[in-house]
mmCIF file of all heavy atoms, coordinates in Angstrom:
data_MODEL
# 
_entry.id   MODEL 
# 
loop_
_atom_site.group_PDB 
_atom_site.id 
_atom_site.type_symbol 
_atom_site.label_atom_id 
_atom_site.label_alt_id 
_atom_site.label_comp_id 
_atom_site.label_asym_id 
_atom_site.label_entity_id 
_atom_site.label_seq_id 
_atom_site.pdbx_PDB_ins_code 
_atom_site.Cartn_x 
_atom_site.Cartn_y 
_atom_site.Cartn_z 
_atom_site.occupancy 
_atom_site.B_iso_or_equiv 
_atom_site.pdbx_formal_charge 
_atom_site.auth_seq_id 
_atom_site.auth_comp_id 
_atom_site.auth_asym_id 
_atom_site.auth_atom_id 
_atom_site.pdbx_PDB_model_num 
ATOM 1   N N   . ALA A 1 1  ? 93.567  85.519  106.044 1.00 0.00 ? 1  ALA A N   1 
ATOM 2   C CA  . ALA A 1 1  ? 94.800  85.513  106.839 1.00 0.00 ? 1  ALA A CA  1 
ATOM 3   C C   . ALA A 1 1  ? 95.757  86.604  106.370 1.00 0.00 ? 1  ALA A C   1 
ATOM 4   O O   . ALA A 1 1  ? 96.317  87.360  107.184 1.00 0.00 ? 1  ALA A O   1 
ATOM 5   C CB  . ALA A 1 1  ? 95.463  84.143  106.751 1.00 0.00 ? 1  ALA A CB  1 
ATOM 6   N N   . LYS A 1 2  ? 95.958  86.711  105.072 1.00 0.00 ? 2  LYS A N   1 
ATOM 7   C CA  . LYS A 1 2  ? 96.879  87.730  104.546 1.00 0.00 ? 2  LYS A CA  1 
ATOM 8   C C   . LYS A 1 2  ? 96.337  89.133  104.795 1.00 0.00 ? 2  LYS A C   1 
ATOM 9   O O   . LYS A 1 2  ? 97.098  90.049  105.152 1.00 0.00 ? 2  LYS A O   1 
ATOM 10  C CB  . LYS A 1 2  ? 97.107  87.489  103.047 1.00 0.00 ? 2  LYS A CB  1 
ATOM 11  C CG  . LYS A 1 2  ? 97.865  86.210  102.741 1.00 0.00 ? 2  LYS A CG  1 
ATOM 12  C CD  . LYS A 1 2  ? 97.979  85.988  101.241 1.00 0.00 ? 2  LYS A CD  1 
ATOM 13  C CE  . LYS A 1 2  ? 98.720  84.687  100.941 1.00 0.00 ? 2  LYS A CE  1 
ATOM 14  N NZ  . LYS A 1 2  ? 98.887  84.447  99.490  1.00 0.00 ? 2  LYS A NZ  1 
ATOM 15  N N   . ASN A 1 3  ? 95.045  89.310  104.619 1.00 0.00 ? 3  ASN A N   1 
ATOM 16  C CA  . ASN A 1 3  ? 94.454  90.628  104.855 1.00 0.00 ? 3  ASN A CA  1 
ATOM 17  C C   . ASN A 1 3  ? 94.589  91.059  106.306 1.00 0.00 ? 3  ASN A C   1 
ATOM 18  O O   . ASN A 1 3  ? 94.845  92.228  106.602 1.00 0.00 ? 3  ASN A O   1 
ATOM 19  C CB  . ASN A 1 3  ? 92.968  90.613  104.471 1.00 0.00 ? 3  ASN A CB  1 
ATOM 20  C CG  . ASN A 1 3  ? 92.757  90.711  102.976 1.00 0.00 ? 3  ASN A CG  1 
ATOM 21  O OD1 . ASN A 1 3  ? 93.672  91.036  102.229 1.00 0.00 ? 3  ASN A OD1 1 
ATOM 22  N ND2 . ASN A 1 3  ? 91.551  90.430  102.531 1.00 0.00 ? 3  ASN A ND2 1 
ATOM 23  N N   . THR A 1 4  ? 94.392  90.122  107.223 1.00 0.00 ? 4  THR A N   1 
ATOM 24  C CA  . THR A 1 4  ? 94.492  90.454  108.641 1.00 0.00 ? 4  THR A CA  1 
ATOM 25  C C   . THR A 1 4  ? 95.915  90.854  108.997 1.00 0.00 ? 4  THR A C   1 
ATOM 26  O O   . THR A 1 4  ? 96.140  91.795  109.775 1.00 0.00 ? 4  THR A O   1 
ATOM 27  C CB  . THR A 1 4  ? 94.039  89.264  109.501 1.00 0.00 ? 4  THR A CB  1 
ATOM 28  O OG1 . THR A 1 4  ? 92.702  88.883  109.113 1.00 0.00 ? 4  THR A OG1 1 
ATOM 29  C CG2 . THR A 1 4  ? 94.024  89.625  110.976 1.00 0.00 ? 4  THR A CG2 1 
ATOM 30  N N   . SER A 1 5  ? 96.891  90.169  108.421 1.00 0.00 ? 5  SER A N   1 
ATOM 31  C CA  . SER A 1 5  ? 98.288  90.530  108.649 1.00 0.00 ? 5  SER A CA  1 
ATOM 32  C C   . SER A 1 5  ? 98.586  91.931  108.109 1.00 0.00 ? 5  SER A C   1 
ATOM 33  O O   . SER A 1 5  ? 99.173  92.779  108.796 1.00 0.00 ? 5  SER A O   1 
ATOM 34  C CB  . SER A 1 5  ? 99.216  89.512  107.983 1.00 0.00 ? 5  SER A CB  1 
ATOM 35  O OG  . SER A 1 5  ? 99.053  88.238  108.547 1.00 0.00 ? 5  SER A OG  1 
ATOM 36  N N   . HIS A 1 6  ? 98.176  92.186  106.882 1.00 0.00 ? 6  HIS A N   1 
ATOM 37  C CA  . HIS A 1 6  ? 98.440  93.483  106.260 1.00 0.00 ? 6  HIS A CA  1 
ATOM 38  C C   . HIS A 1 6  ? 97.691  94.610  106.966 1.00 0.00 ? 6  HIS A C   1 
ATOM 39  O O   . HIS A 1 6  ? 98.145  95.763  106.971 1.00 0.00 ? 6  HIS A O   1 
ATOM 40  C CB  . HIS A 1 6  ? 98.037  93.446  104.780 1.00 0.00 ? 6  HIS A CB  1 
ATOM 41  C CG  . HIS A 1 6  ? 99.041  92.751  103.905 1.00 0.00 ? 6  HIS A CG  1 
ATOM 42  N ND1 . HIS A 1 6  ? 100.248 92.293  104.358 1.00 0.00 ? 6  HIS A ND1 1 
ATOM 43  C CD2 . HIS A 1 6  ? 99.005  92.438  102.572 1.00 0.00 ? 6  HIS A CD2 1 
ATOM 44  C CE1 . HIS A 1 6  ? 100.923 91.744  103.362 1.00 0.00 ? 6  HIS A CE1 1 
ATOM 45  N NE2 . HIS A 1 6  ? 100.186 91.815  102.266 1.00 0.00 ? 6  HIS A NE2 1 
ATOM 46  N N   . LYS A 1 7  ? 96.559  94.281  107.539 1.00 0.00 ? 7  LYS A N   1 
ATOM 47  C CA  . LYS A 1 7  ? 95.759  95.276  108.251 1.00 0.00 ? 7  LYS A CA  1 
ATOM 48  C C   . LYS A 1 7  ? 96.539  95.894  109.410 1.00 0.00 ? 7  LYS A C   1 
ATOM 49  O O   . LYS A 1 7  ? 96.349  97.062  109.753 1.00 0.00 ? 7  LYS A O   1 
ATOM 50  C CB  . LYS A 1 7  ? 94.486  94.603  108.770 1.00 0.00 ? 7  LYS A CB  1 
ATOM 51  C CG  . LYS A 1 7  ? 93.489  95.513  109.445 1.00 0.00 ? 7  LYS A CG  1 
ATOM 52  C CD  . LYS A 1 7  ? 92.252  94.714  109.814 1.00 0.00 ? 7  LYS A CD  1 
ATOM 53  C CE  . LYS A 1 7  ? 91.181  95.576  110.443 1.00 0.00 ? 7  LYS A CE  1 
ATOM 54  N NZ  . LYS A 1 7  ? 89.950  94.790  110.728 1.00 0.00 ? 7  LYS A NZ  1 
ATOM 55  N N   . MET A 1 8  ? 97.431  95.119  110.025 1.00 0.00 ? 8  MET A N   1 
ATOM 56  C CA  . MET A 1 8  ? 98.177  95.592  111.183 1.00 0.00 ? 8  MET A CA  1 
ATOM 57  C C   . MET A 1 8  ? 99.482  96.283  110.804 1.00 0.00 ? 8  MET A C   1 
ATOM 58  O O   . MET A 1 8  ? 100.185 96.807  111.673 1.00 0.00 ? 8  MET A O   1 
ATOM 59  C CB  . MET A 1 8  ? 98.485  94.416  112.121 1.00 0.00 ? 8  MET A CB  1 
ATOM 60  C CG  . MET A 1 8  ? 97.259  93.667  112.598 1.00 0.00 ? 8  MET A CG  1 
ATOM 61  S SD  . MET A 1 8  ? 95.961  94.764  113.211 1.00 0.00 ? 8  MET A SD  1 
ATOM 62  C CE  . MET A 1 8  ? 96.812  95.526  114.580 1.00 0.00 ? 8  MET A CE  1 
ATOM 63  N N   . ALA A 1 9  ? 99.820  96.293  109.526 1.00 0.00 ? 9  ALA A N   1 
ATOM 64  C CA  . ALA A 1 9  ? 101.086 96.898  109.097 1.00 0.00 ? 9  ALA A CA  1 
ATOM 65  C C   . ALA A 1 9  ? 100.980 98.420  109.103 1.00 0.00 ? 9  ALA A C   1 
ATOM 66  O O   . ALA A 1 9  ? 99.912  98.990  108.860 1.00 0.00 ? 9  ALA A O   1 
ATOM 67  C CB  . ALA A 1 9  ? 101.452 96.402  107.704 1.00 0.00 ? 9  ALA A CB  1 
ATOM 68  N N   . SER A 1 10 ? 102.092 99.076  109.367 1.00 0.00 ? 10 SER A N   1 
ATOM 69  C CA  . SER A 1 10 ? 102.100 100.540 109.433 1.00 0.00 ? 10 SER A CA  1 
ATOM 70  C C   . SER A 1 10 ? 102.973 101.184 108.361 1.00 0.00 ? 10 SER A C   1 
ATOM 71  O O   . SER A 1 10 ? 102.964 102.403 108.208 1.00 0.00 ? 10 SER A O   1 
ATOM 72  C CB  . SER A 1 10 ? 102.575 100.996 110.816 1.00 0.00 ? 10 SER A CB  1 
ATOM 73  O OG  . SER A 1 10 ? 103.864 100.478 111.107 1.00 0.00 ? 10 SER A OG  1 
ATOM 74  N N   . GLY A 1 11 ? 103.744 100.378 107.633 1.00 0.00 ? 11 GLY A N   1 
ATOM 75  C CA  . GLY A 1 11 ? 104.666 100.922 106.643 1.00 0.00 ? 11 GLY A CA  1 
ATOM 76  C C   . GLY A 1 11 ? 104.004 101.313 105.343 1.00 0.00 ? 11 GLY A C   1 
ATOM 77  O O   . GLY A 1 11 ? 102.836 101.009 105.092 1.00 0.00 ? 11 GLY A O   1 
ATOM 78  N N   . ALA A 1 12 ? 104.763 101.988 104.488 1.00 0.00 ? 12 ALA A N   1 
ATOM 79  C CA  . ALA A 1 12 ? 104.254 102.432 103.187 1.00 0.00 ? 12 ALA A CA  1 
ATOM 80  C C   . ALA A 1 12 ? 104.201 101.298 102.178 1.00 0.00 ? 12 ALA A C   1 
ATOM 81  O O   . ALA A 1 12 ? 103.450 101.358 101.208 1.00 0.00 ? 12 ALA A O   1 
ATOM 82  C CB  . ALA A 1 12 ? 105.130 103.564 102.645 1.00 0.00 ? 12 ALA A CB  1 
ATOM 83  N N   . VAL A 1 13 ? 105.016 100.246 102.387 1.00 0.00 ? 13 VAL A N   1 
ATOM 84  C CA  . VAL A 1 13 ? 105.053 99.095  101.485 1.00 0.00 ? 13 VAL A CA  1 
ATOM 85  C C   . VAL A 1 13 ? 104.703 97.836  102.281 1.00 0.00 ? 13 VAL A C   1 
ATOM 86  O O   . VAL A 1 13 ? 105.276 97.582  103.337 1.00 0.00 ? 13 VAL A O   1 
ATOM 87  C CB  . VAL A 1 13 ? 106.441 98.933  100.836 1.00 0.00 ? 13 VAL A CB  1 
ATOM 88  C CG1 . VAL A 1 13 ? 106.484 97.680  99.970  1.00 0.00 ? 13 VAL A CG1 1 
ATOM 89  C CG2 . VAL A 1 13 ? 106.789 100.163 100.004 1.00 0.00 ? 13 VAL A CG2 1 
ATOM 90  N N   . LEU A 1 14 ? 103.759 97.070  101.775 1.00 0.00 ? 14 LEU A N   1 
ATOM 91  C CA  . LEU A 1 14 ? 103.344 95.819  102.404 1.00 0.00 ? 14 LEU A CA  1 
ATOM 92  C C   . LEU A 1 14 ? 103.942 94.650  101.637 1.00 0.00 ? 14 LEU A C   1 
ATOM 93  O O   . LEU A 1 14 ? 103.910 94.625  100.410 1.00 0.00 ? 14 LEU A O   1 
ATOM 94  C CB  . LEU A 1 14 ? 101.814 95.697  102.410 1.00 0.00 ? 14 LEU A CB  1 
ATOM 95  C CG  . LEU A 1 14 ? 101.029 96.857  103.021 1.00 0.00 ? 14 LEU A CG  1 
ATOM 96  C CD1 . LEU A 1 14 ? 99.531  96.590  102.929 1.00 0.00 ? 14 LEU A CD1 1 
ATOM 97  C CD2 . LEU A 1 14 ? 101.442 97.086  104.464 1.00 0.00 ? 14 LEU A CD2 1 
ATOM 98  N N   . VAL A 1 15 ? 104.476 93.667  102.375 1.00 0.00 ? 15 VAL A N   1 
ATOM 99  C CA  . VAL A 1 15 ? 105.090 92.497  101.760 1.00 0.00 ? 15 VAL A CA  1 
ATOM 100 C C   . VAL A 1 15 ? 104.419 91.247  102.317 1.00 0.00 ? 15 VAL A C   1 
ATOM 101 O O   . VAL A 1 15 ? 104.369 91.054  103.526 1.00 0.00 ? 15 VAL A O   1 
ATOM 102 C CB  . VAL A 1 15 ? 106.597 92.424  102.041 1.00 0.00 ? 15 VAL A CB  1 
ATOM 103 C CG1 . VAL A 1 15 ? 107.215 91.215  101.337 1.00 0.00 ? 15 VAL A CG1 1 
ATOM 104 C CG2 . VAL A 1 15 ? 107.297 93.698  101.597 1.00 0.00 ? 15 VAL A CG2 1 
ATOM 105 N N   . ASN A 1 16 ? 103.900 90.406  101.433 1.00 0.00 ? 16 ASN A N   1 
ATOM 106 C CA  . ASN A 1 16 ? 103.369 89.130  101.895 1.00 0.00 ? 16 ASN A CA  1 
ATOM 107 C C   . ASN A 1 16 ? 104.525 88.146  102.041 1.00 0.00 ? 16 ASN A C   1 
ATOM 108 O O   . ASN A 1 16 ? 105.124 87.722  101.056 1.00 0.00 ? 16 ASN A O   1 
ATOM 109 C CB  . ASN A 1 16 ? 102.344 88.568  100.912 1.00 0.00 ? 16 ASN A CB  1 
ATOM 110 C CG  . ASN A 1 16 ? 101.821 87.221  101.393 1.00 0.00 ? 16 ASN A CG  1 
ATOM 111 O OD1 . ASN A 1 16 ? 101.251 87.123  102.470 1.00 0.00 ? 16 ASN A OD1 1 
ATOM 112 N ND2 . ASN A 1 16 ? 102.053 86.176  100.619 1.00 0.00 ? 16 ASN A ND2 1 
ATOM 113 N N   . LEU A 1 17 ? 104.839 87.820  103.285 1.00 0.00 ? 17 LEU A N   1 
ATOM 114 C CA  . LEU A 1 17 ? 105.910 86.868  103.577 1.00 0.00 ? 17 LEU A CA  1 
ATOM 115 C C   . LEU A 1 17 ? 105.281 85.678  104.290 1.00 0.00 ? 17 LEU A C   1 
ATOM 116 O O   . LEU A 1 17 ? 105.033 85.723  105.492 1.00 0.00 ? 17 LEU A O   1 
ATOM 117 C CB  . LEU A 1 17 ? 106.988 87.510  104.455 1.00 0.00 ? 17 LEU A CB  1 
ATOM 118 C CG  . LEU A 1 17 ? 108.195 86.624  104.754 1.00 0.00 ? 17 LEU A CG  1 
ATOM 119 C CD1 . LEU A 1 17 ? 109.056 86.468  103.505 1.00 0.00 ? 17 LEU A CD1 1 
ATOM 120 C CD2 . LEU A 1 17 ? 109.022 87.200  105.891 1.00 0.00 ? 17 LEU A CD2 1 
ATOM 121 N N   . ASP A 1 18 ? 104.975 84.623  103.547 1.00 0.00 ? 18 ASP A N   1 
ATOM 122 C CA  . ASP A 1 18 ? 104.399 83.429  104.144 1.00 0.00 ? 18 ASP A CA  1 
ATOM 123 C C   . ASP A 1 18 ? 105.390 82.832  105.138 1.00 0.00 ? 18 ASP A C   1 
ATOM 124 O O   . ASP A 1 18 ? 106.603 83.024  105.032 1.00 0.00 ? 18 ASP A O   1 
ATOM 125 C CB  . ASP A 1 18 ? 104.062 82.397  103.065 1.00 0.00 ? 18 ASP A CB  1 
ATOM 126 C CG  . ASP A 1 18 ? 102.921 82.859  102.174 1.00 0.00 ? 18 ASP A CG  1 
ATOM 127 O OD1 . ASP A 1 18 ? 102.094 83.649  102.650 1.00 0.00 ? 18 ASP A OD1 1 
ATOM 128 O OD2 . ASP A 1 18 ? 102.867 82.431  101.005 1.00 0.00 ? 18 ASP A OD2 1 
ATOM 129 N N   . CYS A 1 19 ? 104.882 82.078  106.110 1.00 0.00 ? 19 CYS A N   1 
ATOM 130 C CA  . CYS A 1 19 ? 105.728 81.619  107.212 1.00 0.00 ? 19 CYS A CA  1 
ATOM 131 C C   . CYS A 1 19 ? 106.764 80.581  106.791 1.00 0.00 ? 19 CYS A C   1 
ATOM 132 O O   . CYS A 1 19 ? 107.648 80.237  107.574 1.00 0.00 ? 19 CYS A O   1 
ATOM 133 C CB  . CYS A 1 19 ? 104.871 81.071  108.348 1.00 0.00 ? 19 CYS A CB  1 
ATOM 134 S SG  . CYS A 1 19 ? 103.814 79.691  107.894 1.00 0.00 ? 19 CYS A SG  1 
ATOM 135 N N   . ASP A 1 20 ? 106.708 80.091  105.562 1.00 0.00 ? 20 ASP A N   1 
ATOM 136 C CA  . ASP A 1 20 ? 107.738 79.154  105.091 1.00 0.00 ? 20 ASP A CA  1 
ATOM 137 C C   . ASP A 1 20 ? 108.775 79.842  104.195 1.00 0.00 ? 20 ASP A C   1 
ATOM 138 O O   . ASP A 1 20 ? 109.604 79.192  103.582 1.00 0.00 ? 20 ASP A O   1 
ATOM 139 C CB  . ASP A 1 20 ? 107.109 77.964  104.351 1.00 0.00 ? 20 ASP A CB  1 
ATOM 140 C CG  . ASP A 1 20 ? 106.275 78.390  103.150 1.00 0.00 ? 20 ASP A CG  1 
ATOM 141 O OD1 . ASP A 1 20 ? 106.133 79.605  102.913 1.00 0.00 ? 20 ASP A OD1 1 
ATOM 142 O OD2 . ASP A 1 20 ? 105.757 77.493  102.447 1.00 0.00 ? 20 ASP A OD2 1 
ATOM 143 N N   . ASN A 1 21 ? 108.728 81.172  104.125 1.00 0.00 ? 21 ASN A N   1 
ATOM 144 C CA  . ASN A 1 21 ? 109.617 81.929  103.238 1.00 0.00 ? 21 ASN A CA  1 
ATOM 145 C C   . ASN A 1 21 ? 110.725 82.644  104.006 1.00 0.00 ? 21 ASN A C   1 
ATOM 146 O O   . ASN A 1 21 ? 110.524 83.106  105.134 1.00 0.00 ? 21 ASN A O   1 
ATOM 147 C CB  . ASN A 1 21 ? 108.825 82.979  102.455 1.00 0.00 ? 21 ASN A CB  1 
ATOM 148 C CG  . ASN A 1 21 ? 108.192 82.427  101.197 1.00 0.00 ? 21 ASN A CG  1 
ATOM 149 O OD1 . ASN A 1 21 ? 108.349 82.985  100.121 1.00 0.00 ? 21 ASN A OD1 1 
ATOM 150 N ND2 . ASN A 1 21 ? 107.452 81.337  101.318 1.00 0.00 ? 21 ASN A ND2 1 
ATOM 151 N N   . TYR A 1 22 ? 111.886 82.753  103.378 1.00 0.00 ? 22 TYR A N   1 
ATOM 152 C CA  . TYR A 1 22 ? 112.989 83.563  103.884 1.00 0.00 ? 22 TYR A CA  1 
ATOM 153 C C   . TYR A 1 22 ? 112.954 84.948  103.221 1.00 0.00 ? 22 TYR A C   1 
ATOM 154 O O   . TYR A 1 22 ? 112.599 85.066  102.050 1.00 0.00 ? 22 TYR A O   1 
ATOM 155 C CB  . TYR A 1 22 ? 114.341 82.941  103.529 1.00 0.00 ? 22 TYR A CB  1 
ATOM 156 C CG  . TYR A 1 22 ? 114.667 81.650  104.222 1.00 0.00 ? 22 TYR A CG  1 
ATOM 157 C CD1 . TYR A 1 22 ? 114.565 80.442  103.542 1.00 0.00 ? 22 TYR A CD1 1 
ATOM 158 C CD2 . TYR A 1 22 ? 115.101 81.632  105.537 1.00 0.00 ? 22 TYR A CD2 1 
ATOM 159 C CE1 . TYR A 1 22 ? 114.890 79.244  104.167 1.00 0.00 ? 22 TYR A CE1 1 
ATOM 160 C CE2 . TYR A 1 22 ? 115.436 80.446  106.171 1.00 0.00 ? 22 TYR A CE2 1 
ATOM 161 C CZ  . TYR A 1 22 ? 115.317 79.249  105.479 1.00 0.00 ? 22 TYR A CZ  1 
ATOM 162 O OH  . TYR A 1 22 ? 115.646 78.076  106.093 1.00 0.00 ? 22 TYR A OH  1 
ATOM 163 N N   . THR A 1 23 ? 113.355 85.974  103.952 1.00 0.00 ? 23 THR A N   1 
ATOM 164 C CA  . THR A 1 23 ? 113.512 87.282  103.311 1.00 0.00 ? 23 THR A CA  1 
ATOM 165 C C   . THR A 1 23 ? 114.804 87.317  102.507 1.00 0.00 ? 23 THR A C   1 
ATOM 166 O O   . THR A 1 23 ? 114.892 88.014  101.498 1.00 0.00 ? 23 THR A O   1 
ATOM 167 C CB  . THR A 1 23 ? 113.579 88.418  104.342 1.00 0.00 ? 23 THR A CB  1 
ATOM 168 O OG1 . THR A 1 23 ? 114.723 88.229  105.179 1.00 0.00 ? 23 THR A OG1 1 
ATOM 169 C CG2 . THR A 1 23 ? 112.326 88.446  105.199 1.00 0.00 ? 23 THR A CG2 1 
ATOM 170 N N   . GLY A 1 24 ? 115.811 86.578  102.958 1.00 0.00 ? 24 GLY A N   1 
ATOM 171 C CA  . GLY A 1 24 ? 117.150 86.717  102.400 1.00 0.00 ? 24 GLY A CA  1 
ATOM 172 C C   . GLY A 1 24 ? 117.872 87.851  103.118 1.00 0.00 ? 24 GLY A C   1 
ATOM 173 O O   . GLY A 1 24 ? 117.237 88.755  103.682 1.00 0.00 ? 24 GLY A O   1 
ATOM 174 N N   . LEU A 1 25 ? 119.186 87.823  103.125 1.00 0.00 ? 25 LEU A N   1 
ATOM 175 C CA  . LEU A 1 25 ? 119.978 88.855  103.782 1.00 0.00 ? 25 LEU A CA  1 
ATOM 176 C C   . LEU A 1 25 ? 119.698 90.217  103.147 1.00 0.00 ? 25 LEU A C   1 
ATOM 177 O O   . LEU A 1 25 ? 119.789 90.364  101.930 1.00 0.00 ? 25 LEU A O   1 
ATOM 178 C CB  . LEU A 1 25 ? 121.472 88.526  103.663 1.00 0.00 ? 25 LEU A CB  1 
ATOM 179 C CG  . LEU A 1 25 ? 122.427 89.471  104.390 1.00 0.00 ? 25 LEU A CG  1 
ATOM 180 C CD1 . LEU A 1 25 ? 122.185 89.437  105.890 1.00 0.00 ? 25 LEU A CD1 1 
ATOM 181 C CD2 . LEU A 1 25 ? 123.877 89.098  104.071 1.00 0.00 ? 25 LEU A CD2 1 
ATOM 182 N N   . GLN A 1 26 ? 119.330 91.189  103.974 1.00 0.00 ? 26 GLN A N   1 
ATOM 183 C CA  . GLN A 1 26 ? 118.986 92.531  103.491 1.00 0.00 ? 26 GLN A CA  1 
ATOM 184 C C   . GLN A 1 26 ? 117.788 92.490  102.529 1.00 0.00 ? 26 GLN A C   1 
ATOM 185 O O   . GLN A 1 26 ? 117.658 93.340  101.634 1.00 0.00 ? 26 GLN A O   1 
ATOM 186 C CB  . GLN A 1 26 ? 120.188 93.179  102.782 1.00 0.00 ? 26 GLN A CB  1 
ATOM 187 C CG  . GLN A 1 26 ? 121.448 93.191  103.605 1.00 0.00 ? 26 GLN A CG  1 
ATOM 188 C CD  . GLN A 1 26 ? 121.609 94.447  104.452 1.00 0.00 ? 26 GLN A CD  1 
ATOM 189 O OE1 . GLN A 1 26 ? 121.186 95.515  104.058 1.00 0.00 ? 26 GLN A OE1 1 
ATOM 190 N NE2 . GLN A 1 26 ? 122.219 94.307  105.604 1.00 0.00 ? 26 GLN A NE2 1 
ATOM 191 N N   . GLY A 1 27 ? 116.918 91.495  102.724 1.00 0.00 ? 27 GLY A N   1 
ATOM 192 C CA  . GLY A 1 27 ? 115.772 91.348  101.823 1.00 0.00 ? 27 GLY A CA  1 
ATOM 193 C C   . GLY A 1 27 ? 114.823 92.521  101.866 1.00 0.00 ? 27 GLY A C   1 
ATOM 194 O O   . GLY A 1 27 ? 114.216 92.886  100.851 1.00 0.00 ? 27 GLY A O   1 
ATOM 195 N N   . GLY A 1 28 ? 114.669 93.135  103.025 1.00 0.00 ? 28 GLY A N   1 
ATOM 196 C CA  . GLY A 1 28 ? 113.803 94.303  103.130 1.00 0.00 ? 28 GLY A CA  1 
ATOM 197 C C   . GLY A 1 28 ? 114.346 95.475  102.329 1.00 0.00 ? 28 GLY A C   1 
ATOM 198 O O   . GLY A 1 28 ? 113.599 96.166  101.637 1.00 0.00 ? 28 GLY A O   1 
# 
């Protein structure tokens, strides 16, 4: 599941953000 998600990413940095997690304000 995580690999498939990361496979579609286009950015230089990949972040695993599970669906129960918050990024936090300005987390990116």
